[in-house]
PDB file of N, CA and C in Angstrom:
ATOM      1  N   MET A   1       4.181  13.676  33.514  1.00  0.00           N
ATOM      2  CA  MET A   1       2.660  13.576  32.831  1.00  0.00           C
ATOM      3  C   MET A   1       3.121  13.120  31.243  1.00  0.00           C
ATOM      4  N   VAL A   2       2.534  12.271  30.851  1.00  0.00           N
ATOM      5  CA  VAL A   2       2.574  11.997  29.115  1.00  0.00           C
ATOM      6  C   VAL A   2       1.627  12.575  28.375  1.00  0.00           C
ATOM      7  N   GLU A   3       1.996  13.279  27.475  1.00  0.00           N
ATOM      8  CA  GLU A   3       1.294  14.054  26.480  1.00  0.00           C
ATOM      9  C   GLU A   3       0.949  13.052  25.541  1.00  0.00           C
ATOM     10  N   LEU A   4      -0.399  13.382  24.764  1.00  0.00           N
ATOM     11  CA  LEU A   4      -0.925  12.534  23.573  1.00  0.00           C
ATOM     12  C   LEU A   4       0.125  12.659  22.404  1.00  0.00           C
ATOM     13  N   VAL A   5      -0.033  11.848  21.584  1.00  0.00           N
ATOM     14  CA  VAL A   5       0.876  11.807  20.192  1.00  0.00           C
ATOM     15  C   VAL A   5       0.260  12.971  19.238  1.00  0.00           C
ATOM     16  N   ARG A   6       1.388  13.375  18.899  1.00  0.00           N
ATOM     17  CA  ARG A   6       1.222  14.678  17.587  1.00  0.00           C
ATOM     18  C   ARG A   6       1.837  14.078  16.537  1.00  0.00           C
ATOM     19  N   ILE A   7       1.014  14.430  15.224  1.00  0.00           N
ATOM     20  CA  ILE A   7       1.497  14.084  14.006  1.00  0.00           C
ATOM     21  C   ILE A   7       1.416  15.463  13.122  1.00  0.00           C
ATOM     22  N   THR A   8       2.308  15.066  11.929  1.00  0.00           N
ATOM     23  CA  THR A   8       2.585  16.196  10.879  1.00  0.00           C
ATOM     24  C   THR A   8       2.362  15.471   9.893  1.00  0.00           C
ATOM     25  N   VAL A   9       1.333  15.611   8.748  1.00  0.00           N
ATOM     26  CA  VAL A   9       1.398  14.831   7.470  1.00  0.00           C
ATOM     27  C   VAL A   9       1.453  16.094   6.520  1.00  0.00           C
ATOM     28  N   LEU A  10       2.459  15.834   5.534  1.00  0.00           N
ATOM     29  CA  LEU A  10       2.922  16.766   4.278  1.00  0.00           C
ATOM     30  C   LEU A  10       2.390  15.914   3.093  1.00  0.00           C
ATOM     31  N   GLN A  11       1.475  16.219   2.114  1.00  0.00           N
ATOM     32  CA  GLN A  11       1.265  15.397   1.350  1.00  0.00           C
ATOM     33  C   GLN A  11       1.429  16.657  -0.175  1.00  0.00           C
ATOM     34  N   ASN A  12       2.088  16.001  -0.867  1.00  0.00           N
ATOM     35  CA  ASN A  12       2.546  16.835  -2.095  1.00  0.00           C
ATOM     36  C   ASN A  12       2.963  18.149  -1.792  1.00  0.00           C
ATOM     37  N   GLY A  13       4.050  17.989  -0.760  1.00  0.00           N
ATOM     38  CA  GLY A  13       4.892  19.271  -0.455  1.00  0.00           C
ATOM     39  C   GLY A  13       4.049  19.976   0.255  1.00  0.00           C
ATOM     40  N   ARG A  14       2.713  20.012   0.620  1.00  0.00           N
ATOM     41  CA  ARG A  14       1.811  20.801   1.683  1.00  0.00           C
ATOM     42  C   ARG A  14       1.531  20.103   2.834  1.00  0.00           C
ATOM     43  N   ALA A  15       1.375  20.896   4.031  1.00  0.00           N
ATOM     44  CA  ALA A  15       1.017  20.455   5.231  1.00  0.00           C
ATOM     45  C   ALA A  15      -0.584  20.290   5.323  1.00  0.00           C
ATOM     46  N   ILE A  16      -0.885  18.900   5.234  1.00  0.00           N
ATOM     47  CA  ILE A  16      -2.457  19.013   5.708  1.00  0.00           C
ATOM     48  C   ILE A  16      -2.908  18.623   6.846  1.00  0.00           C
ATOM     49  N   HIS A  17      -1.691  18.131   7.890  1.00  0.00           N
ATOM     50  CA  HIS A  17      -1.917  18.281   9.307  1.00  0.00           C
ATOM     51  C   HIS A  17      -0.885  18.580   9.747  1.00  0.00           C
ATOM     52  N   ASN A  18      -1.087  19.838  10.557  1.00  0.00           N
ATOM     53  CA  ASN A  18       0.230  20.265  11.245  1.00  0.00           C
ATOM     54  C   ASN A  18       0.266  20.119  12.616  1.00  0.00           C
ATOM     55  N   ASN A  19       1.133  19.339  13.399  1.00  0.00           N
ATOM     56  CA  ASN A  19       1.435  19.126  14.767  1.00  0.00           C
ATOM     57  C   ASN A  19       0.148  18.992  15.309  1.00  0.00           C
ATOM     58  N   VAL A  20      -0.736  17.970  14.727  1.00  0.00           N
ATOM     59  CA  VAL A  20      -2.295  18.114  15.139  1.00  0.00           C
ATOM     60  C   VAL A  20      -2.202  16.772  16.375  1.00  0.00           C
ATOM     61  N   GLN A  21      -2.962  16.702  17.411  1.00  0.00           N
ATOM     62  CA  GLN A  21      -2.494  16.054  18.794  1.00  0.00           C
ATOM     63  C   GLN A  21      -3.727  15.098  18.494  1.00  0.00           C
ATOM     64  N   LEU A  22      -3.541  13.628  18.685  1.00  0.00           N
ATOM     65  CA  LEU A  22      -4.255  12.647  18.582  1.00  0.00           C
ATOM     66  C   LEU A  22      -5.090  12.341  20.028  1.00  0.00           C
ATOM     67  N   PRO A  23      -6.264  11.978  20.004  1.00  0.00           N
ATOM     68  CA  PRO A  23      -6.632  11.867  21.323  1.00  0.00           C
ATOM     69  C   PRO A  23      -6.227  10.342  22.105  1.00  0.00           C
ATOM     70  N   GLY A  24      -5.827   9.313  21.355  1.00  0.00           N
ATOM     71  CA  GLY A  24      -5.196   8.327  21.662  1.00  0.00           C
ATOM     72  C   GLY A  24      -4.981   7.051  20.154  1.00  0.00           C
ATOM     73  N   VAL A  25      -5.141   6.050  20.625  1.00  0.00           N
ATOM     74  CA  VAL A  25      -4.807   5.163  19.537  1.00  0.00           C
ATOM     75  C   VAL A  25      -6.056   5.073  18.439  1.00  0.00           C
ATOM     76  N   THR A  26      -5.782   5.135  17.331  1.00  0.00           N
ATOM     77  CA  THR A  26      -6.777   5.295  16.260  1.00  0.00           C
ATOM     78  C   THR A  26      -7.444   4.115  16.033  1.00  0.00           C
ATOM     79  N   GLY A  27      -8.649   3.999  15.499  1.00  0.00           N
ATOM     80  CA  GLY A  27      -9.517   3.052  15.363  1.00  0.00           C
ATOM     81  C   GLY A  27      -8.942   1.584  14.461  1.00  0.00           C
ATOM     82  N   GLY A  28      -7.842   1.871  13.592  1.00  0.00           N
ATOM     83  CA  GLY A  28      -7.267   1.025  13.219  1.00  0.00           C
ATOM     84  C   GLY A  28      -5.970   0.256  13.780  1.00  0.00           C
ATOM     85  N   ALA A  29      -5.955   0.692  15.433  1.00  0.00           N
ATOM     86  CA  ALA A  29      -4.882   0.219  15.947  1.00  0.00           C
ATOM     87  C   ALA A  29      -4.765  -1.285  16.416  1.00  0.00           C
ATOM     88  N   ILE A  30      -3.525  -2.070  16.382  1.00  0.00           N
ATOM     89  CA  ILE A  30      -3.190  -3.227  15.829  1.00  0.00           C
ATOM     90  C   ILE A  30      -3.625  -3.753  17.583  1.00  0.00           C
ATOM     91  N   ASP A  31      -3.123  -2.864  18.667  1.00  0.00           N
ATOM     92  CA  ASP A  31      -3.187  -2.984  20.093  1.00  0.00           C
ATOM     93  C   ASP A  31      -3.329  -1.707  20.826  1.00  0.00           C
ATOM     94  N   ARG A  32      -3.393  -1.738  21.918  1.00  0.00           N
ATOM     95  CA  ARG A  32      -3.738  -0.480  23.077  1.00  0.00           C
ATOM     96  C   ARG A  32      -2.367   0.101  23.240  1.00  0.00           C
ATOM     97  N   ASN A  33      -1.316  -0.538  23.207  1.00  0.00           N
ATOM     98  CA  ASN A  33      -0.221  -0.078  23.642  1.00  0.00           C
ATOM     99  C   ASN A  33       0.710   1.064  22.895  1.00  0.00           C
ATOM    100  N   GLU A  34       0.211   2.287  23.343  1.00  0.00           N
ATOM    101  CA  GLU A  34       0.623   3.565  22.824  1.00  0.00           C
ATOM    102  C   GLU A  34       1.991   4.145  22.432  1.00  0.00           C
ATOM    103  N   GLY A  35       2.718   3.533  23.893  1.00  0.00           N
ATOM    104  CA  GLY A  35       4.250   4.067  23.773  1.00  0.00           C
ATOM    105  C   GLY A  35       4.989   3.505  22.923  1.00  0.00           C
ATOM    106  N   ALA A  36       4.695   2.054  22.429  1.00  0.00           N
ATOM    107  CA  ALA A  36       5.660   1.743  21.138  1.00  0.00           C
ATOM    108  C   ALA A  36       5.433   1.737  19.789  1.00  0.00           C
ATOM    109  N   PRO A  37       6.625   2.251  19.315  1.00  0.00           N
ATOM    110  CA  PRO A  37       6.619   2.528  17.631  1.00  0.00           C
ATOM    111  C   PRO A  37       5.972   0.848  17.237  1.00  0.00           C
ATOM    112  N   GLY A  38       5.113   1.363  16.046  1.00  0.00           N
ATOM    113  CA  GLY A  38       4.341   0.299  15.001  1.00  0.00           C
ATOM    114  C   GLY A  38       4.612   0.353  13.745  1.00  0.00           C
ATOM    115  N   PRO A  39       3.898  -0.714  12.929  1.00  0.00           N
ATOM    116  CA  PRO A  39       3.717  -0.305  11.436  1.00  0.00           C
ATOM    117  C   PRO A  39       2.643   0.920  11.384  1.00  0.00           C
ATOM    118  N   LEU A  40       3.071   1.472  10.108  1.00  0.00           N
ATOM    119  CA  LEU A  40       2.231   2.214   9.213  1.00  0.00           C
ATOM    120  C   LEU A  40       1.036   1.665   8.382  1.00  0.00           C
ATOM    121  N   LEU A  41      -0.180   1.511   8.824  1.00  0.00           N
ATOM    122  CA  LEU A  41      -1.326   1.037   8.113  1.00  0.00           C
ATOM    123  C   LEU A  41      -1.811   1.785   7.098  1.00  0.00           C
ATOM    124  N   LEU A  42      -1.932   1.429   5.645  1.00  0.00           N
ATOM    125  CA  LEU A  42      -2.484   2.392   4.854  1.00  0.00           C
ATOM    126  C   LEU A  42      -3.761   1.645   4.219  1.00  0.00           C
ATOM    127  N   GLN A  43      -4.910   2.227   3.972  1.00  0.00           N
ATOM    128  CA  GLN A  43      -6.060   2.171   3.846  1.00  0.00           C
ATOM    129  C   GLN A  43      -6.402   2.051   2.377  1.00  0.00           C
ATOM    130  N   ASP A  44      -7.372   1.591   1.518  1.00  0.00           N
ATOM    131  CA  ASP A  44      -7.435   1.563   0.224  1.00  0.00           C
ATOM    132  C   ASP A  44      -9.147   1.346   0.075  1.00  0.00           C
ATOM    133  N   HIS A  45      -9.657   1.322   1.094  1.00  0.00           N
ATOM    134  CA  HIS A  45     -11.214   0.599   1.432  1.00  0.00           C
ATOM    135  C   HIS A  45     -11.719   0.168  -0.070  1.00  0.00           C
ATOM    136  N   GLY A  46     -10.806  -0.912  -0.756  1.00  0.00           N
ATOM    137  CA  GLY A  46     -11.395  -1.696  -1.997  1.00  0.00           C
ATOM    138  C   GLY A  46     -10.932  -1.082  -3.007  1.00  0.00           C
ATOM    139  N   ASN A  47     -10.674  -0.026  -3.052  1.00  0.00           N
ATOM    140  CA  ASN A  47     -10.318   0.872  -4.504  1.00  0.00           C
ATOM    141  C   ASN A  47      -8.959   0.634  -5.070  1.00  0.00           C
ATOM    142  N   LEU A  48      -8.753   1.193  -6.088  1.00  0.00           N
ATOM    143  CA  LEU A  48      -7.526   1.332  -6.921  1.00  0.00           C
ATOM    144  C   LEU A  48      -6.516   2.021  -6.661  1.00  0.00           C
ATOM    145  N   VAL A  49      -5.921   1.721  -5.220  1.00  0.00           N
ATOM    146  CA  VAL A  49      -5.081   2.939  -5.068  1.00  0.00           C
ATOM    147  C   VAL A  49      -3.471   2.475  -5.015  1.00  0.00           C
ATOM    148  N   GLN A  50      -2.530   3.616  -5.400  1.00  0.00           N
ATOM    149  CA  GLN A  50      -1.283   3.330  -5.628  1.00  0.00           C
ATOM    150  C   GLN A  50      -0.414   4.155  -4.320  1.00  0.00           C
ATOM    151  N   TYR A  51       0.545   3.729  -3.554  1.00  0.00           N
ATOM    152  CA  TYR A  51       1.030   4.528  -2.746  1.00  0.00           C
ATOM    153  C   TYR A  51       2.654   4.425  -3.230  1.00  0.00           C
ATOM    154  N   ARG A  52       3.626   5.488  -3.347  1.00  0.00           N
ATOM    155  CA  ARG A  52       4.785   5.658  -3.475  1.00  0.00           C
ATOM    156  C   ARG A  52       5.178   6.995  -2.791  1.00  0.00           C
ATOM    157  N   ASN A  53       6.751   6.889  -2.780  1.00  0.00           N
ATOM    158  CA  ASN A  53       7.428   7.785  -2.032  1.00  0.00           C
ATOM    159  C   ASN A  53       6.899   8.220  -0.769  1.00  0.00           C
ATOM    160  N   LEU A  54       7.100   7.464   0.271  1.00  0.00           N
ATOM    161  CA  LEU A  54       6.342   7.415   1.527  1.00  0.00           C
ATOM    162  C   LEU A  54       7.417   7.456   2.444  1.00  0.00           C
ATOM    163  N   TRP A  55       7.394   8.645   3.199  1.00  0.00           N
ATOM    164  CA  TRP A  55       8.773   9.040   4.217  1.00  0.00           C
ATOM    165  C   TRP A  55       8.029   9.101   5.574  1.00  0.00           C
ATOM    166  N   ILE A  56       8.776   8.208   6.374  1.00  0.00           N
ATOM    167  CA  ILE A  56       8.228   8.574   7.953  1.00  0.00           C
ATOM    168  C   ILE A  56       9.349   9.017   8.536  1.00  0.00           C
ATOM    169  N   LEU A  57       9.454  10.126   8.764  1.00  0.00           N
ATOM    170  CA  LEU A  57      10.476  11.019   9.933  1.00  0.00           C
ATOM    171  C   LEU A  57      10.008  11.359  11.280  1.00  0.00           C
ATOM    172  N   PRO A  58      11.030  11.348  11.984  1.00  0.00           N
ATOM    173  CA  PRO A  58      10.632  11.908  13.297  1.00  0.00           C
ATOM    174  C   PRO A  58      11.004  13.571  13.405  1.00  0.00           C
ATOM    175  N   LEU A  59       9.855  14.394  13.762  1.00  0.00           N
ATOM    176  CA  LEU A  59       9.907  15.547  13.895  1.00  0.00           C
ATOM    177  C   LEU A  59      10.231  16.001  15.486  1.00  0.00           C
ATOM    178  N   PRO A  60      10.676  17.103  15.233  1.00  0.00           N
ATOM    179  CA  PRO A  60      11.146  17.659  16.777  1.00  0.00           C
ATOM    180  C   PRO A  60      10.085  17.630  17.604  1.00  0.00           C
ATOM    181  N   LEU A  61      10.379  17.610  19.075  1.00  0.00           N
ATOM    182  CA  LEU A  61       9.205  17.212  20.147  1.00  0.00           C
ATOM    183  C   LEU A  61       8.485  18.849  19.930  1.00  0.00           C
ATOM    184  N   ARG A  62       9.113  19.750  19.815  1.00  0.00           N
ATOM    185  CA  ARG A  62       8.324  20.809  20.039  1.00  0.00           C
ATOM    186  C   ARG A  62       7.600  21.247  18.677  1.00  0.00           C
ATOM    187  N   GLY A  63       6.556  21.345  18.297  1.00  0.00           N
ATOM    188  CA  GLY A  63       5.712  21.894  17.063  1.00  0.00           C
ATOM    189  C   GLY A  63       6.001  22.812  16.520  1.00  0.00           C
ATOM    190  N   SER A  64       5.874  23.131  14.909  1.00  0.00           N
ATOM    191  CA  SER A  64       6.517  24.258  14.064  1.00  0.00           C
ATOM    192  C   SER A  64       4.963  24.935  13.703  1.00  0.00           C
ATOM    193  N   ASP A  65       5.392  26.214  13.331  1.00  0.00           N
ATOM    194  CA  ASP A  65       3.914  27.226  12.657  1.00  0.00           C
ATOM    195  C   ASP A  65       4.007  26.370  11.045  1.00  0.00           C
ATOM    196  N   ARG A  66       5.362  26.174  10.648  1.00  0.00           N
ATOM    197  CA  ARG A  66       5.276  25.558   9.501  1.00  0.00           C
ATOM    198  C   ARG A  66       6.474  24.335   9.092  1.00  0.00           C
ATOM    199  N   TYR A  67       6.084  23.665   8.300  1.00  0.00           N
ATOM    200  CA  TYR A  67       7.044  22.614   7.576  1.00  0.00           C
ATOM    201  C   TYR A  67       7.187  22.805   6.181  1.00  0.00           C
ATOM    202  N   GLU A  68       8.460  22.673   5.625  1.00  0.00           N
ATOM    203  CA  GLU A  68       8.526  22.489   4.262  1.00  0.00           C
ATOM    204  C   GLU A  68       9.414  21.104   3.811  1.00  0.00           C
ATOM    205  N   PRO A  69       9.168  20.798   2.713  1.00  0.00           N
ATOM    206  CA  PRO A  69       9.868  19.703   2.286  1.00  0.00           C
ATOM    207  C   PRO A  69      11.489  19.869   2.096  1.00  0.00           C
ATOM    208  N   ALA A  70      12.049  18.821   2.360  1.00  0.00           N
ATOM    209  CA  ALA A  70      13.634  18.857   2.511  1.00  0.00           C
ATOM    210  C   ALA A  70      14.091  18.844   1.055  1.00  0.00           C
TER     211      ALA A  70
END
């Protein structure tokens, strides 16, 4: 059985999404190939937004109740 993808997002050192299960590909997906790694797409919706210090790290397959910045 294949599990749905899970994500954890930390922003400014705080977990804003912790081990959240996604129902499938997101609306911004390039294609429906859910098993292959792909690019991270960031949105600005036409606003002046700047991104910096983005880290994409694999986490253990088993979720945690808390994540702390390294």
